[in-house]
Amino acid sequence: MAIGNKTEVTVFILQSFTNDPGLQAALFCLFFSLFVVALVGNGVIITAIHCSPNLHTPMYFFLVNLAMLDMICTSSILPKVLQSLVAENTISYAGCISQMFFFTWSLSAELLLFTAMAYDRYLAICRPLHYSTLMSGRFCLALAAFVWSMGVLNAFLLTGLVLRLSFCGPNTIAHFFCEIPPVLLLSCSPTFVIDIIVITADMFLSGMNFLLTMVSYGCIITSILRIRSAEGKHKAFSTCSSHLIVVTMYYSTVLYTYIRPALGSAGLMDKVITILYTIVTPTLNPLIYTLRNKEFKASFKKLLLPFSK
C-alpha cells in the first residue's frame, strides 16, 4: 500500500448541499446560527460550572466533558461546511484527515461518556448511600481520562488505517464532510480489511455503550417505580431525564447511521440524520440540560449578577 504522504490526490471535493444560491444563503445562516449557539451554549455551561462551587459534583463534571466534546465535534465540521456554502467546496488531503480524526475522536468519546453519565445516575438513584464513596473525585477523573484516551486511541487507529491507503482519483467525496466510510470508497487500494475494522469498531462502540446505557436506565426506572410517593418519583426522574433525552436523540441517529446496510451511503436522509447528531444535537445539549435544571439556572443567574448592575 502507498503511504499517505505519497498519495496522488492532494485535494478532495465535498458534495454540495444545493446549487441554488438562495438556498445556500439560507443554509449558511442556519448553520452559522447553530454553530454560534453550540459554541456559546457549551462555553456558558463550562464557565458556569467552573465558577459555581455548588456545581462541583460528578454529574456536572461529566457535563463539562460533554460540552467540550460537543465543541470539538461542531468545530471540526461546521467551519468547512460554512465555507463550502459561500466559496469553494474543496478540502485538502491533510485537512480531510484532520477533520476525520477530530470527528472520530469526539464521536467515540461521546459514546463512552454517555455510558459514564448513565452509570453516575444509576449510582445516584439506585445506590444513594454509597454514591459519594463510589463516585469519588479520583474515580471521576480516572473515568474521564479513560473516555478521552479511548476516543483518541480509536481515532488514531482508524485514521492511521486511512493514511496507509492511496488515492489516485476520483476525488469527490459523496458527503458534506470527511467521514471515514465515504472516503474509503475513493481509495485505489484494497479496503476490505479496513472496512471490516471500521464497521467492527463502530458497532462495538455504539452497540456496547448503547447496551450498557440501557441496562443502567433499566435499573434506574425499576428503582424509581419502587418509590411510593409521587414527589419522590418526580424528584428521582428529574435528575436523569435530561440525560435520557440527550441519549435518546443521539443514539437514534448514530445507530441509524452506522447500522445502515449501504456502507458510505450519503443520500438525502443520511445527510439529514448526520446533521442531527453532528450539528443539531450538540447545539441542543446546552438548552436541554440548562432549561430543565433549576440548580444550574440559579448558579447561572448568580454568575450574571455582577454584569446586571
C-alpha atoms as a PDB file:
ATOM      1  CA  MET A   1       0.000   0.000   0.000  1.00  0.00           C
ATOM      2  CA  ALA A   2       1.137   3.502  -0.595  1.00  0.00           C
ATOM      3  CA  ILE A   3       1.947   5.702   2.334  1.00  0.00           C
ATOM      4  CA  GLY A   4      -0.413   8.635   2.894  1.00  0.00           C
ATOM      5  CA  ASN A   5       2.123  11.370   2.024  1.00  0.00           C
ATOM      6  CA  LYS A   6       2.710   9.724  -1.410  1.00  0.00           C
ATOM      7  CA  THR A   7      -0.916   9.876  -2.438  1.00  0.00           C
ATOM      8  CA  GLU A   8      -1.619  11.368  -5.847  1.00  0.00           C
ATOM      9  CA  VAL A   9      -4.781  13.131  -4.659  1.00  0.00           C
ATOM     10  CA  THR A  10      -3.976  16.291  -2.713  1.00  0.00           C
ATOM     11  CA  VAL A  11      -7.456  17.847  -2.691  1.00  0.00           C
ATOM     12  CA  PHE A  12     -10.900  16.346  -2.180  1.00  0.00           C
ATOM     13  CA  ILE A  13     -14.189  17.821  -3.373  1.00  0.00           C
ATOM     14  CA  LEU A  14     -17.022  17.740  -0.845  1.00  0.00           C
ATOM     15  CA  GLN A  15     -20.577  17.176  -2.013  1.00  0.00           C
ATOM     16  CA  SER A  16     -22.671  20.358  -2.035  1.00  0.00           C
ATOM     17  CA  PHE A  17     -25.988  20.621  -0.250  1.00  0.00           C
ATOM     18  CA  THR A  18     -27.519  22.542  -3.124  1.00  0.00           C
ATOM     19  CA  ASN A  19     -26.567  24.651  -6.140  1.00  0.00           C
ATOM     20  CA  ASP A  20     -29.358  27.171  -5.532  1.00  0.00           C
ATOM     21  CA  PRO A  21     -27.716  30.455  -4.343  1.00  0.00           C
ATOM     22  CA  GLY A  22     -30.799  31.440  -2.343  1.00  0.00           C
ATOM     23  CA  LEU A  23     -30.950  28.114  -0.550  1.00  0.00           C
ATOM     24  CA  GLN A  24     -27.195  28.214   0.036  1.00  0.00           C
ATOM     25  CA  ALA A  25     -27.567  31.594   1.762  1.00  0.00           C
ATOM     26  CA  ALA A  26     -30.402  30.276   3.925  1.00  0.00           C
ATOM     27  CA  LEU A  27     -28.404  27.188   4.894  1.00  0.00           C
ATOM     28  CA  PHE A  28     -25.377  29.335   5.692  1.00  0.00           C
ATOM     29  CA  CYS A  29     -27.440  31.482   8.073  1.00  0.00           C
ATOM     30  CA  LEU A  30     -28.960  28.370   9.679  1.00  0.00           C
ATOM     31  CA  PHE A  31     -25.654  26.537  10.177  1.00  0.00           C
ATOM     32  CA  PHE A  32     -23.874  29.691  11.329  1.00  0.00           C
ATOM     33  CA  SER A  33     -26.579  30.291  13.940  1.00  0.00           C
ATOM     34  CA  LEU A  34     -26.339  26.685  15.134  1.00  0.00           C
ATOM     35  CA  PHE A  35     -22.547  26.984  15.303  1.00  0.00           C
ATOM     36  CA  VAL A  36     -22.717  30.125  17.437  1.00  0.00           C
ATOM     37  CA  VAL A  37     -25.360  28.652  19.741  1.00  0.00           C
ATOM     38  CA  ALA A  38     -23.329  25.446  20.148  1.00  0.00           C
ATOM     39  CA  LEU A  39     -20.102  27.276  20.997  1.00  0.00           C
ATOM     40  CA  VAL A  40     -21.688  29.899  23.235  1.00  0.00           C
ATOM     41  CA  GLY A  41     -24.085  27.477  24.941  1.00  0.00           C
ATOM     42  CA  ASN A  42     -21.449  24.887  25.730  1.00  0.00           C
ATOM     43  CA  GLY A  43     -18.995  27.614  26.709  1.00  0.00           C
ATOM     44  CA  VAL A  44     -21.550  29.011  29.169  1.00  0.00           C
ATOM     45  CA  ILE A  45     -22.025  25.547  30.690  1.00  0.00           C
ATOM     46  CA  ILE A  46     -18.269  25.133  31.224  1.00  0.00           C
ATOM     47  CA  THR A  47     -17.878  28.634  32.677  1.00  0.00           C
ATOM     48  CA  ALA A  48     -20.915  28.454  34.966  1.00  0.00           C
ATOM     49  CA  ILE A  49     -19.931  25.067  36.399  1.00  0.00           C
ATOM     50  CA  HIS A  50     -16.310  26.123  36.855  1.00  0.00           C
ATOM     51  CA  CYS A  51     -17.311  29.297  38.717  1.00  0.00           C
ATOM     52  CA  SER A  52     -20.007  27.682  40.920  1.00  0.00           C
ATOM     53  CA  PRO A  53     -18.670  25.550  43.807  1.00  0.00           C
ATOM     54  CA  ASN A  54     -22.143  24.085  44.419  1.00  0.00           C
ATOM     55  CA  LEU A  55     -21.984  22.528  40.924  1.00  0.00           C
ATOM     56  CA  HIS A  56     -18.698  20.737  41.557  1.00  0.00           C
ATOM     57  CA  THR A  57     -20.318  17.314  41.610  1.00  0.00           C
ATOM     58  CA  PRO A  58     -19.792  14.232  39.419  1.00  0.00           C
ATOM     59  CA  MET A  59     -22.903  14.926  37.331  1.00  0.00           C
ATOM     60  CA  TYR A  60     -21.743  18.430  36.383  1.00  0.00           C
ATOM     61  CA  PHE A  61     -18.148  17.271  35.967  1.00  0.00           C
ATOM     62  CA  PHE A  62     -19.275  14.877  33.242  1.00  0.00           C
ATOM     63  CA  LEU A  63     -21.493  17.597  31.774  1.00  0.00           C
ATOM     64  CA  VAL A  64     -18.394  19.795  31.337  1.00  0.00           C
ATOM     65  CA  ASN A  65     -16.704  16.938  29.484  1.00  0.00           C
ATOM     66  CA  LEU A  66     -19.770  16.561  27.248  1.00  0.00           C
ATOM     67  CA  ALA A  67     -19.748  20.289  26.489  1.00  0.00           C
ATOM     68  CA  MET A  68     -16.074  20.146  25.478  1.00  0.00           C
ATOM     69  CA  LEU A  69     -16.670  17.158  23.201  1.00  0.00           C
ATOM     70  CA  ASP A  70     -19.643  18.913  21.590  1.00  0.00           C
ATOM     71  CA  MET A  71     -17.446  21.937  20.885  1.00  0.00           C
ATOM     72  CA  ILE A  72     -14.768  19.731  19.293  1.00  0.00           C
ATOM     73  CA  CYS A  73     -17.371  17.983  17.140  1.00  0.00           C
ATOM     74  CA  THR A  74     -19.007  21.139  15.784  1.00  0.00           C
ATOM     75  CA  SER A  75     -15.678  22.963  15.364  1.00  0.00           C
ATOM     76  CA  SER A  76     -14.258  20.109  13.295  1.00  0.00           C
ATOM     77  CA  ILE A  77     -17.166  20.082  10.842  1.00  0.00           C
ATOM     78  CA  LEU A  78     -19.110  23.341  10.666  1.00  0.00           C
ATOM     79  CA  PRO A  79     -16.365  25.820   9.609  1.00  0.00           C
ATOM     80  CA  LYS A  80     -15.708  23.797   6.453  1.00  0.00           C
ATOM     81  CA  VAL A  81     -19.458  23.364   5.834  1.00  0.00           C
ATOM     82  CA  LEU A  82     -19.926  27.127   6.083  1.00  0.00           C
ATOM     83  CA  GLN A  83     -17.012  27.721   3.699  1.00  0.00           C
ATOM     84  CA  SER A  84     -18.442  25.290   1.153  1.00  0.00           C
ATOM     85  CA  LEU A  85     -21.730  27.225   1.122  1.00  0.00           C
ATOM     86  CA  VAL A  86     -20.140  30.566   0.220  1.00  0.00           C
ATOM     87  CA  ALA A  87     -16.886  29.612  -1.516  1.00  0.00           C
ATOM     88  CA  GLU A  88     -15.176  26.505  -2.863  1.00  0.00           C
ATOM     89  CA  ASN A  89     -16.289  23.151  -1.514  1.00  0.00           C
ATOM     90  CA  THR A  90     -12.826  21.582  -1.531  1.00  0.00           C
ATOM     91  CA  ILE A  91     -10.694  20.307   1.332  1.00  0.00           C
ATOM     92  CA  SER A  92      -7.003  19.390   1.313  1.00  0.00           C
ATOM     93  CA  TYR A  93      -5.845  15.848   1.985  1.00  0.00           C
ATOM     94  CA  ALA A  94      -4.322  16.932   5.311  1.00  0.00           C
ATOM     95  CA  GLY A  95      -7.465  18.887   6.194  1.00  0.00           C
ATOM     96  CA  CYS A  96      -9.614  15.866   5.394  1.00  0.00           C
ATOM     97  CA  ILE A  97      -7.527  13.576   7.625  1.00  0.00           C
ATOM     98  CA  SER A  98      -7.591  16.156  10.441  1.00  0.00           C
ATOM     99  CA  GLN A  99     -11.362  16.552  10.195  1.00  0.00           C
ATOM    100  CA  MET A 100     -11.759  12.772  10.156  1.00  0.00           C
ATOM    101  CA  PHE A 101      -9.554  12.400  13.258  1.00  0.00           C
ATOM    102  CA  PHE A 102     -11.281  15.034  15.395  1.00  0.00           C
ATOM    103  CA  PHE A 103     -14.757  13.915  14.390  1.00  0.00           C
ATOM    104  CA  THR A 104     -13.956  10.257  15.139  1.00  0.00           C
ATOM    105  CA  TRP A 105     -12.353  11.279  18.439  1.00  0.00           C
ATOM    106  CA  SER A 106     -15.352  13.315  19.605  1.00  0.00           C
ATOM    107  CA  LEU A 107     -17.894  10.717  18.448  1.00  0.00           C
ATOM    108  CA  SER A 108     -16.088   7.796  20.123  1.00  0.00           C
ATOM    109  CA  ALA A 109     -15.502   9.680  23.367  1.00  0.00           C
ATOM    110  CA  GLU A 110     -19.083  10.941  23.486  1.00  0.00           C
ATOM    111  CA  LEU A 111     -20.483   7.415  23.225  1.00  0.00           C
ATOM    112  CA  LEU A 112     -18.276   6.344  26.140  1.00  0.00           C
ATOM    113  CA  LEU A 113     -19.155   9.472  28.106  1.00  0.00           C
ATOM    114  CA  PHE A 114     -22.892   8.808  27.819  1.00  0.00           C
ATOM    115  CA  THR A 115     -22.263   5.407  29.428  1.00  0.00           C
ATOM    116  CA  ALA A 116     -20.271   7.027  32.233  1.00  0.00           C
ATOM    117  CA  MET A 117     -23.053   9.571  32.803  1.00  0.00           C
ATOM    118  CA  ALA A 118     -25.661   6.790  32.868  1.00  0.00           C
ATOM    119  CA  TYR A 119     -23.563   4.906  35.440  1.00  0.00           C
ATOM    120  CA  ASP A 120     -23.347   8.078  37.548  1.00  0.00           C
ATOM    121  CA  ARG A 121     -27.148   8.442  37.515  1.00  0.00           C
ATOM    122  CA  TYR A 122     -27.523   4.718  38.321  1.00  0.00           C
ATOM    123  CA  LEU A 123     -25.390   5.085  41.445  1.00  0.00           C
ATOM    124  CA  ALA A 124     -27.136   8.313  42.470  1.00  0.00           C
ATOM    125  CA  ILE A 125     -30.610   6.773  42.290  1.00  0.00           C
ATOM    126  CA  CYS A 126     -30.081   3.061  42.961  1.00  0.00           C
ATOM    127  CA  ARG A 127     -27.233   3.260  45.483  1.00  0.00           C
ATOM    128  CA  PRO A 128     -27.531   6.715  47.096  1.00  0.00           C
ATOM    129  CA  LEU A 129     -25.902   5.707  50.409  1.00  0.00           C
ATOM    130  CA  HIS A 130     -22.711   4.631  48.638  1.00  0.00           C
ATOM    131  CA  TYR A 131     -22.775   7.305  45.916  1.00  0.00           C
ATOM    132  CA  SER A 132     -20.225   9.724  47.401  1.00  0.00           C
ATOM    133  CA  THR A 133     -17.800   6.870  48.073  1.00  0.00           C
ATOM    134  CA  LEU A 134     -18.152   5.153  44.706  1.00  0.00           C
ATOM    135  CA  MET A 135     -18.116   8.379  42.655  1.00  0.00           C
ATOM    136  CA  SER A 136     -15.141   9.979  44.348  1.00  0.00           C
ATOM    137  CA  GLY A 137     -13.199  12.791  42.699  1.00  0.00           C
ATOM    138  CA  ARG A 138     -10.323  10.462  41.868  1.00  0.00           C
ATOM    139  CA  PHE A 139     -12.648   7.904  40.266  1.00  0.00           C
ATOM    140  CA  CYS A 140     -14.376  10.607  38.192  1.00  0.00           C
ATOM    141  CA  LEU A 141     -11.018  11.855  36.903  1.00  0.00           C
ATOM    142  CA  ALA A 142      -9.948   8.308  36.049  1.00  0.00           C
ATOM    143  CA  LEU A 143     -13.239   7.674  34.248  1.00  0.00           C
ATOM    144  CA  ALA A 144     -12.926  10.910  32.264  1.00  0.00           C
ATOM    145  CA  ALA A 145      -9.307  10.108  31.370  1.00  0.00           C
ATOM    146  CA  PHE A 146     -10.414   6.687  30.129  1.00  0.00           C
ATOM    147  CA  VAL A 147     -13.173   8.250  27.993  1.00  0.00           C
ATOM    148  CA  TRP A 148     -10.863  10.788  26.355  1.00  0.00           C
ATOM    149  CA  SER A 149      -7.935   8.401  25.872  1.00  0.00           C
ATOM    150  CA  MET A 150     -10.079   5.646  24.334  1.00  0.00           C
ATOM    151  CA  GLY A 151     -11.592   8.227  21.979  1.00  0.00           C
ATOM    152  CA  VAL A 152      -8.118   9.340  20.911  1.00  0.00           C
ATOM    153  CA  LEU A 153      -6.939   5.733  20.554  1.00  0.00           C
ATOM    154  CA  ASN A 154      -9.885   4.841  18.306  1.00  0.00           C
ATOM    155  CA  ALA A 155      -9.351   7.973  16.210  1.00  0.00           C
ATOM    156  CA  PHE A 156      -5.615   7.231  15.823  1.00  0.00           C
ATOM    157  CA  LEU A 157      -6.341   3.642  14.841  1.00  0.00           C
ATOM    158  CA  LEU A 158      -8.976   4.388  12.201  1.00  0.00           C
ATOM    159  CA  THR A 159      -7.355   7.475  10.671  1.00  0.00           C
ATOM    160  CA  GLY A 160      -3.996   5.677  10.736  1.00  0.00           C
ATOM    161  CA  LEU A 161      -5.517   2.941   8.591  1.00  0.00           C
ATOM    162  CA  VAL A 162      -6.809   5.551   6.133  1.00  0.00           C
ATOM    163  CA  LEU A 163      -3.342   7.140   5.940  1.00  0.00           C
ATOM    164  CA  ARG A 164      -1.950   3.861   4.617  1.00  0.00           C
ATOM    165  CA  LEU A 165      -4.267   3.965   1.604  1.00  0.00           C
ATOM    166  CA  SER A 166      -3.508   5.518  -1.772  1.00  0.00           C
ATOM    167  CA  PHE A 167      -5.913   7.881  -3.534  1.00  0.00           C
ATOM    168  CA  CYS A 168      -5.441   8.342  -7.260  1.00  0.00           C
ATOM    169  CA  GLY A 169      -8.915   9.553  -8.256  1.00  0.00           C
ATOM    170  CA  PRO A 170     -11.782  10.231  -8.366  1.00  0.00           C
ATOM    171  CA  ASN A 171     -11.620  12.750  -5.536  1.00  0.00           C
ATOM    172  CA  THR A 172     -15.284  13.704  -4.985  1.00  0.00           C
ATOM    173  CA  ILE A 173     -16.496  12.665  -1.517  1.00  0.00           C
ATOM    174  CA  ALA A 174     -20.183  11.748  -1.504  1.00  0.00           C
ATOM    175  CA  HIS A 175     -20.734  13.587   1.766  1.00  0.00           C
ATOM    176  CA  PHE A 176     -20.530  17.120   3.139  1.00  0.00           C
ATOM    177  CA  PHE A 177     -17.520  16.344   5.366  1.00  0.00           C
ATOM    178  CA  CYS A 178     -14.712  13.778   5.619  1.00  0.00           C
ATOM    179  CA  GLU A 179     -16.285  10.795   7.332  1.00  0.00           C
ATOM    180  CA  ILE A 180     -14.371   7.516   7.038  1.00  0.00           C
ATOM    181  CA  PRO A 181     -16.871   5.323   5.062  1.00  0.00           C
ATOM    182  CA  PRO A 182     -17.340   7.667   2.060  1.00  0.00           C
ATOM    183  CA  VAL A 183     -13.591   8.419   1.952  1.00  0.00           C
ATOM    184  CA  LEU A 184     -12.782   4.698   1.788  1.00  0.00           C
ATOM    185  CA  LEU A 185     -14.888   4.432  -1.370  1.00  0.00           C
ATOM    186  CA  LEU A 186     -12.365   6.675  -3.174  1.00  0.00           C
ATOM    187  CA  SER A 187      -9.268   4.626  -2.369  1.00  0.00           C
ATOM    188  CA  CYS A 188      -7.293   2.923  -5.119  1.00  0.00           C
ATOM    189  CA  SER A 189      -6.006   0.425  -2.532  1.00  0.00           C
ATOM    190  CA  PRO A 190      -7.964  -2.617  -1.343  1.00  0.00           C
ATOM    191  CA  THR A 191     -10.154  -1.586   1.608  1.00  0.00           C
ATOM    192  CA  PHE A 192     -11.929  -4.819   2.549  1.00  0.00           C
ATOM    193  CA  VAL A 193      -9.943  -5.366   5.755  1.00  0.00           C
ATOM    194  CA  ILE A 194     -10.218  -1.701   6.757  1.00  0.00           C
ATOM    195  CA  ASP A 195     -13.965  -1.756   6.040  1.00  0.00           C
ATOM    196  CA  ILE A 196     -14.337  -4.679   8.432  1.00  0.00           C
ATOM    197  CA  ILE A 197     -12.219  -2.976  11.118  1.00  0.00           C
ATOM    198  CA  VAL A 198     -14.175   0.302  10.824  1.00  0.00           C
ATOM    199  CA  ILE A 199     -17.560  -1.445  10.968  1.00  0.00           C
ATOM    200  CA  THR A 200     -16.421  -3.590  13.912  1.00  0.00           C
ATOM    201  CA  ALA A 201     -15.082  -0.589  15.834  1.00  0.00           C
ATOM    202  CA  ASP A 202     -18.252   1.432  15.191  1.00  0.00           C
ATOM    203  CA  MET A 203     -20.553  -1.452  16.074  1.00  0.00           C
ATOM    204  CA  PHE A 204     -18.570  -2.281  19.191  1.00  0.00           C
ATOM    205  CA  LEU A 205     -18.510   1.304  20.457  1.00  0.00           C
ATOM    206  CA  SER A 206     -22.110   2.144  19.614  1.00  0.00           C
ATOM    207  CA  GLY A 207     -23.563  -1.278  20.427  1.00  0.00           C
ATOM    208  CA  MET A 208     -21.679  -1.868  23.671  1.00  0.00           C
ATOM    209  CA  ASN A 209     -22.278   1.623  25.029  1.00  0.00           C
ATOM    210  CA  PHE A 210     -25.924   1.583  23.994  1.00  0.00           C
ATOM    211  CA  LEU A 211     -26.406  -1.742  25.802  1.00  0.00           C
ATOM    212  CA  LEU A 212     -24.652  -0.548  28.970  1.00  0.00           C
ATOM    213  CA  THR A 213     -26.616   2.701  28.944  1.00  0.00           C
ATOM    214  CA  MET A 214     -29.919   0.863  28.522  1.00  0.00           C
ATOM    215  CA  VAL A 215     -29.030  -1.546  31.354  1.00  0.00           C
ATOM    216  CA  SER A 216     -28.274   1.415  33.629  1.00  0.00           C
ATOM    217  CA  TYR A 217     -31.569   3.090  32.787  1.00  0.00           C
ATOM    218  CA  GLY A 218     -33.450  -0.177  33.151  1.00  0.00           C
ATOM    219  CA  CYS A 219     -32.184  -0.357  36.731  1.00  0.00           C
ATOM    220  CA  ILE A 220     -32.938   3.335  37.258  1.00  0.00           C
ATOM    221  CA  ILE A 221     -36.535   3.042  36.023  1.00  0.00           C
ATOM    222  CA  THR A 222     -37.107  -0.080  38.135  1.00  0.00           C
ATOM    223  CA  SER A 223     -35.777   1.755  41.194  1.00  0.00           C
ATOM    224  CA  ILE A 224     -37.942   4.818  40.522  1.00  0.00           C
ATOM    225  CA  LEU A 225     -41.082   2.693  40.173  1.00  0.00           C
ATOM    226  CA  ARG A 226     -40.449   1.282  43.641  1.00  0.00           C
ATOM    227  CA  ILE A 227     -40.644   4.747  45.187  1.00  0.00           C
ATOM    228  CA  ARG A 228     -44.065   5.110  46.779  1.00  0.00           C
ATOM    229  CA  SER A 229     -44.562   8.883  46.799  1.00  0.00           C
ATOM    230  CA  ALA A 230     -45.277  10.760  43.570  1.00  0.00           C
ATOM    231  CA  GLU A 231     -42.992  13.577  44.713  1.00  0.00           C
ATOM    232  CA  GLY A 232     -40.137  11.128  45.257  1.00  0.00           C
ATOM    233  CA  LYS A 233     -40.628   9.614  41.809  1.00  0.00           C
ATOM    234  CA  HIS A 234     -40.667  13.041  40.184  1.00  0.00           C
ATOM    235  CA  LYS A 235     -37.520  14.153  42.018  1.00  0.00           C
ATOM    236  CA  ALA A 236     -35.657  10.961  41.113  1.00  0.00           C
ATOM    237  CA  PHE A 237     -36.703  11.095  37.464  1.00  0.00           C
ATOM    238  CA  SER A 238     -35.820  14.796  37.147  1.00  0.00           C
ATOM    239  CA  THR A 239     -32.183  14.025  38.000  1.00  0.00           C
ATOM    240  CA  CYS A 240     -31.782  11.832  34.912  1.00  0.00           C
ATOM    241  CA  SER A 241     -34.472  12.971  32.463  1.00  0.00           C
ATOM    242  CA  SER A 242     -32.220  15.482  30.666  1.00  0.00           C
ATOM    243  CA  HIS A 243     -29.526  12.894  30.109  1.00  0.00           C
ATOM    244  CA  LEU A 244     -32.107  10.358  28.931  1.00  0.00           C
ATOM    245  CA  ILE A 245     -33.461  12.828  26.351  1.00  0.00           C
ATOM    246  CA  VAL A 246     -29.964  13.584  25.015  1.00  0.00           C
ATOM    247  CA  VAL A 247     -29.018   9.889  24.886  1.00  0.00           C
ATOM    248  CA  THR A 248     -32.226   9.025  23.025  1.00  0.00           C
ATOM    249  CA  MET A 249     -31.638  11.771  20.443  1.00  0.00           C
ATOM    250  CA  TYR A 250     -28.003  10.840  19.961  1.00  0.00           C
ATOM    251  CA  TYR A 251     -28.291   7.077  19.729  1.00  0.00           C
ATOM    252  CA  SER A 252     -31.362   7.144  17.490  1.00  0.00           C
ATOM    253  CA  THR A 253     -29.330   8.995  14.856  1.00  0.00           C
ATOM    254  CA  VAL A 254     -25.923   7.358  15.394  1.00  0.00           C
ATOM    255  CA  LEU A 255     -27.303   3.812  15.316  1.00  0.00           C
ATOM    256  CA  TYR A 256     -29.176   4.574  12.092  1.00  0.00           C
ATOM    257  CA  THR A 257     -26.010   5.929  10.502  1.00  0.00           C
ATOM    258  CA  TYR A 258     -23.698   3.075  11.423  1.00  0.00           C
ATOM    259  CA  ILE A 259     -26.086   0.152  11.020  1.00  0.00           C
ATOM    260  CA  ARG A 260     -27.345   1.152   7.592  1.00  0.00           C
ATOM    261  CA  PRO A 261     -26.627  -1.568   5.049  1.00  0.00           C
ATOM    262  CA  ALA A 262     -25.038   0.632   2.379  1.00  0.00           C
ATOM    263  CA  LEU A 263     -21.531   1.471   3.529  1.00  0.00           C
ATOM    264  CA  GLY A 264     -20.733   5.074   2.792  1.00  0.00           C
ATOM    265  CA  SER A 265     -24.195   5.884   1.521  1.00  0.00           C
ATOM    266  CA  ALA A 266     -24.913   9.596   1.620  1.00  0.00           C
ATOM    267  CA  GLY A 267     -28.418  10.096   0.362  1.00  0.00           C
ATOM    268  CA  LEU A 268     -30.656  12.938   1.488  1.00  0.00           C
ATOM    269  CA  MET A 269     -31.907  11.045   4.560  1.00  0.00           C
ATOM    270  CA  ASP A 270     -28.344  10.117   5.536  1.00  0.00           C
ATOM    271  CA  LYS A 271     -27.298  13.762   5.320  1.00  0.00           C
ATOM    272  CA  VAL A 272     -30.253  14.882   7.442  1.00  0.00           C
ATOM    273  CA  ILE A 273     -29.501  12.238  10.087  1.00  0.00           C
ATOM    274  CA  THR A 274     -25.811  13.164  10.106  1.00  0.00           C
ATOM    275  CA  ILE A 275     -26.674  16.839  10.541  1.00  0.00           C
ATOM    276  CA  LEU A 276     -28.813  15.894  13.548  1.00  0.00           C
ATOM    277  CA  TYR A 277     -26.048  14.212  15.533  1.00  0.00           C
ATOM    278  CA  THR A 278     -23.098  16.329  14.364  1.00  0.00           C
ATOM    279  CA  ILE A 279     -24.698  19.781  14.454  1.00  0.00           C
ATOM    280  CA  VAL A 280     -28.207  19.878  15.951  1.00  0.00           C
ATOM    281  CA  THR A 281     -27.645  17.633  18.995  1.00  0.00           C
ATOM    282  CA  PRO A 282     -24.503  19.481  20.200  1.00  0.00           C
ATOM    283  CA  THR A 283     -26.488  22.703  19.842  1.00  0.00           C
ATOM    284  CA  LEU A 284     -29.493  21.419  21.773  1.00  0.00           C
ATOM    285  CA  ASN A 285     -27.496  19.769  24.580  1.00  0.00           C
ATOM    286  CA  PRO A 286     -26.860  23.034  26.486  1.00  0.00           C
ATOM    287  CA  LEU A 287     -30.536  24.004  26.213  1.00  0.00           C
ATOM    288  CA  ILE A 288     -31.806  20.585  27.334  1.00  0.00           C
ATOM    289  CA  TYR A 289     -29.511  20.410  30.353  1.00  0.00           C
ATOM    290  CA  THR A 290     -29.907  24.022  31.486  1.00  0.00           C
ATOM    291  CA  LEU A 291     -33.585  24.735  30.831  1.00  0.00           C
ATOM    292  CA  ARG A 292     -34.639  21.692  32.887  1.00  0.00           C
ATOM    293  CA  ASN A 293     -32.170  22.258  35.726  1.00  0.00           C
ATOM    294  CA  LYS A 294     -33.137  24.690  38.498  1.00  0.00           C
ATOM    295  CA  GLU A 295     -29.774  24.315  40.247  1.00  0.00           C
ATOM    296  CA  PHE A 296     -27.850  25.304  37.134  1.00  0.00           C
ATOM    297  CA  LYS A 297     -30.179  28.214  36.338  1.00  0.00           C
ATOM    298  CA  ALA A 298     -29.727  29.583  39.866  1.00  0.00           C
ATOM    299  CA  SER A 299     -25.936  29.376  39.552  1.00  0.00           C
ATOM    300  CA  PHE A 300     -26.053  30.978  36.108  1.00  0.00           C
ATOM    301  CA  LYS A 301     -28.102  33.909  37.448  1.00  0.00           C
ATOM    302  CA  LYS A 302     -25.523  34.444  40.202  1.00  0.00           C
ATOM    303  CA  LEU A 303     -22.806  34.408  37.562  1.00  0.00           C
ATOM    304  CA  LEU A 304     -24.623  37.133  35.593  1.00  0.00           C
ATOM    305  CA  LEU A 305     -25.419  39.242  38.680  1.00  0.00           C
ATOM    306  CA  PRO A 306     -22.221  41.391  38.533  1.00  0.00           C
ATOM    307  CA  PHE A 307     -22.947  42.269  34.884  1.00  0.00           C
ATOM    308  CA  SER A 308     -26.543  43.301  35.578  1.00  0.00           C
ATOM    309  CA  LYS A 309     -25.580  46.101  37.933  1.00  0.00           C
END
